[in-house]
Amino acid sequence: MARFHATPNGDVPFTPEEEAEWDARQAAWAVGENDRLAEAARKQRDETLAQSDWRAAKAFETGAPLSAEWASYRQALRDIPQQAGFPTNIDWPVKPE
């Protein structure tokens, strides 16, 4: 697909060098897609874990064990990067009631 520069005098096609440079940029961007997805997923996972940190802290402070469902949920969040489909297909755990 030919690319063009928009100018006041109309569209001007890219030179072969500009086409090659643009193709290289797009290829580099595509290569980094999984890294960007993984970073976003880890950020979401970290934020979700942080929302339940108070439960773990309270259990520790009181000496009471964290409920099994909350412990399991928090571990499932920590295990997200090890899922087979990570980072494109993530099975997010459901927060306990």
C-alpha atoms as a PDB file:
ATOM      1  CA  MET A   1       0.000   0.000   0.000  1.00  0.00           C
ATOM      2  CA  ALA A   2       1.533   3.263  -1.051  1.00  0.00           C
ATOM      3  CA  ARG A   3       1.925   5.990   1.540  1.00  0.00           C
ATOM      4  CA  PHE A   4       1.692   9.695   0.923  1.00  0.00           C
ATOM      5  CA  HIS A   5       2.641  12.990   2.533  1.00  0.00           C
ATOM      6  CA  ALA A   6      -0.275  15.395   2.662  1.00  0.00           C
ATOM      7  CA  THR A   7       0.859  18.775   1.334  1.00  0.00           C
ATOM      8  CA  PRO A   8      -0.982  21.968   0.423  1.00  0.00           C
ATOM      9  CA  ASN A   9      -0.413  21.027  -3.227  1.00  0.00           C
ATOM     10  CA  GLY A  10      -1.827  17.538  -2.846  1.00  0.00           C
ATOM     11  CA  ASP A  11      -0.522  14.137  -1.788  1.00  0.00           C
ATOM     12  CA  VAL A  12       3.110  13.330  -2.520  1.00  0.00           C
ATOM     13  CA  PRO A  13       4.104   9.649  -2.519  1.00  0.00           C
ATOM     14  CA  PHE A  14       6.789   8.429  -0.145  1.00  0.00           C
ATOM     15  CA  THR A  15      10.192   7.785  -1.653  1.00  0.00           C
ATOM     16  CA  PRO A  16      11.415   4.170  -1.591  1.00  0.00           C
ATOM     17  CA  GLU A  17      13.677   5.124   1.329  1.00  0.00           C
ATOM     18  CA  GLU A  18      10.752   6.594   3.271  1.00  0.00           C
ATOM     19  CA  GLU A  19       8.688   3.471   2.558  1.00  0.00           C
ATOM     20  CA  ALA A  20      11.512   1.267   3.864  1.00  0.00           C
ATOM     21  CA  GLU A  21      11.922   3.414   6.977  1.00  0.00           C
ATOM     22  CA  TRP A  22       8.186   3.317   7.686  1.00  0.00           C
ATOM     23  CA  ASP A  23       8.069  -0.459   7.141  1.00  0.00           C
ATOM     24  CA  ALA A  24      10.943  -0.872   9.623  1.00  0.00           C
ATOM     25  CA  ARG A  25       9.141   1.283  12.203  1.00  0.00           C
ATOM     26  CA  GLN A  26       5.942  -0.730  11.827  1.00  0.00           C
ATOM     27  CA  ALA A  27       7.849  -4.012  12.143  1.00  0.00           C
ATOM     28  CA  ALA A  28       9.599  -2.801  15.295  1.00  0.00           C
ATOM     29  CA  TRP A  29       6.268  -1.707  16.765  1.00  0.00           C
ATOM     30  CA  ALA A  30       4.691  -5.094  15.993  1.00  0.00           C
ATOM     31  CA  VAL A  31       7.583  -6.958  17.615  1.00  0.00           C
ATOM     32  CA  GLY A  32       7.017  -5.039  20.851  1.00  0.00           C
ATOM     33  CA  GLU A  33       3.269  -5.677  20.977  1.00  0.00           C
ATOM     34  CA  ASN A  34       3.470  -8.629  23.381  1.00  0.00           C
ATOM     35  CA  ASP A  35       5.783  -6.646  25.655  1.00  0.00           C
ATOM     36  CA  ARG A  36       3.288  -3.776  25.782  1.00  0.00           C
ATOM     37  CA  LEU A  37       0.396  -6.177  26.436  1.00  0.00           C
ATOM     38  CA  ALA A  38       2.362  -7.939  29.179  1.00  0.00           C
ATOM     39  CA  GLU A  39       3.248  -4.636  30.821  1.00  0.00           C
ATOM     40  CA  ALA A  40      -0.395  -3.521  30.790  1.00  0.00           C
ATOM     41  CA  ALA A  41      -1.582  -6.871  32.172  1.00  0.00           C
ATOM     42  CA  ARG A  42       0.988  -6.804  34.970  1.00  0.00           C
ATOM     43  CA  LYS A  43      -0.027  -3.249  35.840  1.00  0.00           C
ATOM     44  CA  GLN A  44      -3.699  -4.264  36.022  1.00  0.00           C
ATOM     45  CA  ARG A  45      -2.769  -7.351  38.066  1.00  0.00           C
ATOM     46  CA  ASP A  46      -0.674  -5.256  40.484  1.00  0.00           C
ATOM     47  CA  GLU A  47      -3.456  -2.722  40.937  1.00  0.00           C
ATOM     48  CA  THR A  48      -5.983  -5.496  41.550  1.00  0.00           C
ATOM     49  CA  LEU A  49      -3.680  -7.157  44.078  1.00  0.00           C
ATOM     50  CA  ALA A  50      -3.139  -3.830  45.827  1.00  0.00           C
ATOM     51  CA  GLN A  51      -6.899  -3.468  46.264  1.00  0.00           C
ATOM     52  CA  SER A  52      -6.895  -6.582  48.456  1.00  0.00           C
ATOM     53  CA  ASP A  53      -3.620  -5.945  50.308  1.00  0.00           C
ATOM     54  CA  TRP A  54      -5.553  -4.599  53.269  1.00  0.00           C
ATOM     55  CA  ARG A  55      -7.148  -8.018  53.784  1.00  0.00           C
ATOM     56  CA  ALA A  56      -3.773  -9.728  53.994  1.00  0.00           C
ATOM     57  CA  ALA A  57      -2.397  -6.984  56.252  1.00  0.00           C
ATOM     58  CA  LYS A  58      -5.412  -7.209  58.566  1.00  0.00           C
ATOM     59  CA  ALA A  59      -5.071 -10.988  58.793  1.00  0.00           C
ATOM     60  CA  PHE A  60      -1.379 -10.637  59.615  1.00  0.00           C
ATOM     61  CA  GLU A  61      -1.969  -7.922  62.221  1.00  0.00           C
ATOM     62  CA  THR A  62      -4.723  -9.852  63.994  1.00  0.00           C
ATOM     63  CA  GLY A  63      -3.019 -13.227  63.727  1.00  0.00           C
ATOM     64  CA  ALA A  64      -6.073 -14.610  61.956  1.00  0.00           C
ATOM     65  CA  PRO A  65      -5.509 -16.547  58.770  1.00  0.00           C
ATOM     66  CA  LEU A  66      -6.533 -15.022  55.467  1.00  0.00           C
ATOM     67  CA  SER A  67      -9.586 -16.901  54.230  1.00  0.00           C
ATOM     68  CA  ALA A  68      -8.816 -19.682  51.764  1.00  0.00           C
ATOM     69  CA  GLU A  69     -10.840 -18.052  49.003  1.00  0.00           C
ATOM     70  CA  TRP A  70      -8.975 -14.734  49.357  1.00  0.00           C
ATOM     71  CA  ALA A  71      -5.603 -16.469  49.581  1.00  0.00           C
ATOM     72  CA  SER A  72      -6.460 -18.484  46.473  1.00  0.00           C
ATOM     73  CA  TYR A  73      -7.640 -15.357  44.628  1.00  0.00           C
ATOM     74  CA  ARG A  74      -4.477 -13.443  45.470  1.00  0.00           C
ATOM     75  CA  GLN A  75      -2.296 -16.371  44.393  1.00  0.00           C
ATOM     76  CA  ALA A  76      -4.220 -16.654  41.104  1.00  0.00           C
ATOM     77  CA  LEU A  77      -3.509 -12.972  40.475  1.00  0.00           C
ATOM     78  CA  ARG A  78       0.195 -13.495  41.134  1.00  0.00           C
ATOM     79  CA  ASP A  79       0.182 -16.503  38.771  1.00  0.00           C
ATOM     80  CA  ILE A  80      -1.318 -14.611  35.810  1.00  0.00           C
ATOM     81  CA  PRO A  81       2.028 -14.180  33.978  1.00  0.00           C
ATOM     82  CA  GLN A  82       2.483 -17.976  34.043  1.00  0.00           C
ATOM     83  CA  GLN A  83      -0.824 -18.638  32.246  1.00  0.00           C
ATOM     84  CA  ALA A  84      -0.429 -20.335  28.868  1.00  0.00           C
ATOM     85  CA  GLY A  85      -2.183 -17.536  26.969  1.00  0.00           C
ATOM     86  CA  PHE A  86      -0.403 -14.645  28.677  1.00  0.00           C
ATOM     87  CA  PRO A  87      -0.397 -11.811  27.647  1.00  0.00           C
ATOM     88  CA  THR A  88      -2.961 -12.083  24.846  1.00  0.00           C
ATOM     89  CA  ASN A  89      -5.455 -14.440  26.489  1.00  0.00           C
ATOM     90  CA  ILE A  90      -5.750 -14.010  30.253  1.00  0.00           C
ATOM     91  CA  ASP A  91      -8.177 -15.843  32.503  1.00  0.00           C
ATOM     92  CA  TRP A  92      -8.686 -13.253  35.250  1.00  0.00           C
ATOM     93  CA  PRO A  93      -9.714 -14.737  38.609  1.00  0.00           C
ATOM     94  CA  VAL A  94     -13.041 -13.695  40.072  1.00  0.00           C
ATOM     95  CA  LYS A  95     -12.859 -11.634  43.274  1.00  0.00           C
ATOM     96  CA  PRO A  96     -14.481 -13.403  46.229  1.00  0.00           C
ATOM     97  CA  GLU A  97     -17.625 -11.921  47.729  1.00  0.00           C
END
